[in-house]
Every structure is written in structure tokens, then in C-alpha cells.
Protein backbone atom coordinates (compact mmCIF):
# COMPACT_ATOMS: atom_id res chain seq x y z
CA MET A 1 -36.05 -12.40 64.96
CA SER A 2 -34.53 -15.11 62.84
CA THR A 3 -34.75 -18.81 63.43
CA THR A 4 -32.40 -21.43 62.15
CA PRO A 5 -33.86 -23.45 59.29
CA PHE A 6 -34.98 -26.98 59.96
CA GLU A 7 -32.43 -29.60 58.92
CA ASN A 8 -33.94 -32.89 57.77
CA LEU A 9 -31.34 -35.36 59.01
CA ASP A 10 -33.28 -38.35 57.69
CA ILE A 11 -32.80 -37.05 54.14
CA GLU A 12 -29.11 -36.46 54.89
CA CYS A 13 -28.82 -40.07 56.10
CA ALA A 14 -30.47 -41.25 52.87
CA LYS A 15 -28.03 -39.21 50.75
CA VAL A 16 -24.98 -40.63 52.52
CA GLY A 17 -26.48 -44.12 52.38
CA LYS A 18 -26.91 -43.81 48.64
CA GLU A 19 -23.30 -42.60 48.32
CA ILE A 20 -22.08 -45.62 50.28
CA ALA A 21 -23.95 -47.96 47.92
CA LYS A 22 -22.69 -46.24 44.77
CA LYS A 23 -20.81 -49.42 43.72
CA PRO A 24 -23.21 -52.16 44.79
CA SER A 25 -22.15 -55.75 45.26
CA LYS A 26 -23.10 -58.69 47.41
CA GLU A 27 -19.87 -58.16 49.35
CA LEU A 28 -20.77 -54.53 50.06
CA GLU A 29 -24.25 -55.52 51.20
CA LYS A 30 -22.71 -58.11 53.53
CA VAL A 31 -20.23 -55.60 54.99
CA ILE A 32 -23.07 -53.11 55.57
CA THR A 33 -25.23 -55.78 57.24
CA ASP A 34 -22.32 -56.90 59.42
CA ALA A 35 -21.55 -53.26 60.28
CA LEU A 36 -25.15 -52.76 61.41
CA SER A 37 -24.85 -55.81 63.66
CA VAL A 38 -21.63 -54.53 65.21
CA LEU A 39 -23.19 -51.10 65.74
CA GLU A 40 -26.25 -52.57 67.45
CA GLU A 41 -24.38 -54.98 69.68
CA GLN A 42 -21.10 -53.19 70.40
CA GLY A 43 -21.55 -49.50 69.65
CA VAL A 44 -20.10 -46.69 67.56
CA TYR A 45 -16.43 -47.12 68.46
CA ALA A 46 -16.58 -50.86 67.73
CA LEU A 47 -18.22 -50.11 64.38
CA PHE A 48 -15.29 -47.98 63.26
CA LEU A 49 -12.85 -50.67 64.46
CA PHE A 50 -14.80 -53.27 62.49
CA LEU A 51 -14.76 -51.12 59.36
CA LYS A 52 -11.01 -50.59 59.78
CA THR A 53 -10.50 -54.38 59.69
CA HIS A 54 -12.43 -54.62 56.41
CA ASN A 55 -9.70 -52.95 54.41
CA LYS A 56 -9.26 -55.88 52.03
CA LYS A 57 -11.43 -54.48 49.26
CA THR A 58 -11.61 -50.95 50.69
CA GLU A 59 -15.36 -51.21 51.37
CA GLY A 60 -14.73 -50.74 55.08
CA THR A 61 -12.48 -47.73 54.54
CA GLU A 62 -14.94 -46.06 52.17
CA ILE A 63 -17.87 -46.59 54.53
CA SER A 64 -15.81 -45.39 57.49
CA ASN A 65 -14.67 -42.25 55.64
CA LYS A 66 -18.21 -41.37 54.55
CA LEU A 67 -19.62 -41.89 58.04
CA LYS A 68 -16.79 -39.88 59.58
CA ALA A 69 -17.38 -36.97 57.16
CA PHE A 70 -21.11 -37.15 57.88
CA LEU A 71 -20.56 -36.91 61.65
CA GLN A 72 -18.13 -34.02 61.13
CA GLU A 73 -20.75 -32.04 59.20
CA LYS A 74 -24.07 -32.92 60.82
CA PRO A 75 -26.03 -31.39 62.35
CA LYS A 76 -24.89 -28.13 60.83
CA GLN A 77 -25.42 -26.14 64.02
CA SER A 78 -23.32 -28.49 66.16
CA PRO A 79 -21.44 -31.31 64.39
CA LEU A 80 -21.10 -34.47 66.45
CA ILE A 81 -17.33 -34.86 66.06
CA ASP A 82 -14.45 -32.51 65.39
CA LYS A 83 -12.67 -32.43 62.06
CA ASN A 84 -9.56 -34.49 62.51
CA ASP A 85 -7.53 -36.82 60.30
CA LYS A 86 -7.95 -39.64 62.77
CA ILE A 87 -11.34 -40.85 63.96
CA TRP A 88 -10.36 -42.33 67.32
CA GLN A 89 -9.83 -39.20 69.45
CA PRO A 90 -13.01 -37.43 68.24
CA LEU A 91 -15.00 -40.63 68.94
CA GLN A 92 -13.60 -40.82 72.46
CA THR A 93 -14.46 -37.17 73.06
CA MET A 94 -17.99 -37.67 71.70
CA ALA A 95 -18.45 -40.72 73.96
CA GLU A 96 -18.12 -38.45 77.01
CA ASP A 97 -21.54 -36.98 76.12
CA LEU A 98 -24.11 -39.78 76.17
CA ASP A 99 -26.71 -37.75 74.25
CA LYS A 100 -24.25 -37.10 71.41
CA LEU A 101 -23.14 -40.72 71.37
CA LEU A 102 -26.69 -42.08 71.16
CA PHE A 103 -27.63 -39.48 68.55
CA ALA A 104 -24.59 -40.43 66.45
CA ARG A 105 -25.51 -44.11 66.79
CA ASP A 106 -29.04 -43.40 65.56
CA LEU A 107 -27.81 -41.37 62.58
CA ILE A 108 -25.25 -44.02 61.63
CA ARG A 109 -27.85 -46.79 61.95
CA GLN A 110 -30.28 -44.93 59.69
CA THR A 111 -27.51 -44.21 57.16
CA LEU A 112 -26.42 -47.85 57.02
CA ILE A 113 -30.02 -49.03 56.66
CA TYR A 114 -30.47 -46.73 53.67
CA ALA A 115 -27.14 -47.92 52.25
CA ARG A 116 -28.24 -51.54 52.53
CA TYR A 117 -31.56 -50.79 50.82
CA HIS A 118 -29.79 -48.90 48.03
CA ALA A 119 -27.31 -51.76 47.56
CA ARG A 120 -30.18 -54.25 47.29
CA LEU A 121 -32.24 -52.03 45.00
CA ILE A 122 -29.45 -51.43 42.53
CA ASP A 123 -28.53 -55.13 42.60
CA GLU A 124 -32.15 -56.12 41.91
CA GLU A 125 -32.39 -53.62 39.05
CA LYS A 126 -29.36 -55.24 37.41
CA GLU A 127 -30.99 -58.69 37.64
CA VAL A 128 -34.22 -57.38 36.09
CA GLN A 129 -32.30 -55.86 33.15
CA LYS A 130 -30.64 -59.19 32.28
């Protein structure tokens, strides 16, 4: 009798959050904070729309791509969205299952919180080194 190994999704959120904050800046921290607000008040679909509008310096696109890849891979046993070039149709399909939608929202929220902390931490480390 074999059981599937436990997958620590909090650690996975932290890894993706750190990836998002790889190039820290005040602008990135602001986009992440704004993205969290949109997620909380409007939901997952609105978050991806918001990130799409922040294409000016590509922060929005990079965050969106990393979150999309994360949802396509996690959890390993049953990824939340299908692999697809576009994000819109898989999000609409996921929204038909409330449990999946709320789970995705929680994972994205945790990932963005870690990203914001990493962006602040790296920014503070630079100030200390000056």
C-alpha cells in the first residue's frame, strides 16, 4: 500500500514568491501590494486582468506568468488550471468549481505575501549595505 507524499504548498508559495521578487524595487513592491488588494476585493480573474494592465515595466506580466505556471503545476496530484497559452479560459473553467477557486485564491494570496516580504527584505538589505 503506497500513499502519495505530502506536498508542502506553503513552501511552494514561498519559492514562487521569492522568484517574483528576484529583481526588487519600490515599483515591484507597489504592484504586488496593489495586486493583493485586487485579489482580496475582486477575486482571481480580476487579479490577472489587473496584472495584464501593468505591462508598462513588465512587472505585471512576470508576476502573472509565474502565478499561472504555479497554478498549472500545483498541487501535483491535481493542478488547479490546465496548461494553456492563454490564462482566461482555464480561469473560467476553474471558477466553475468554488473549492478550486477559493483554494487558488488562498495559494495566490500566500505567494504574493511572500513576494512582498522578499521584495522588502532585499530592499532593506541594500539600504543596510550602503
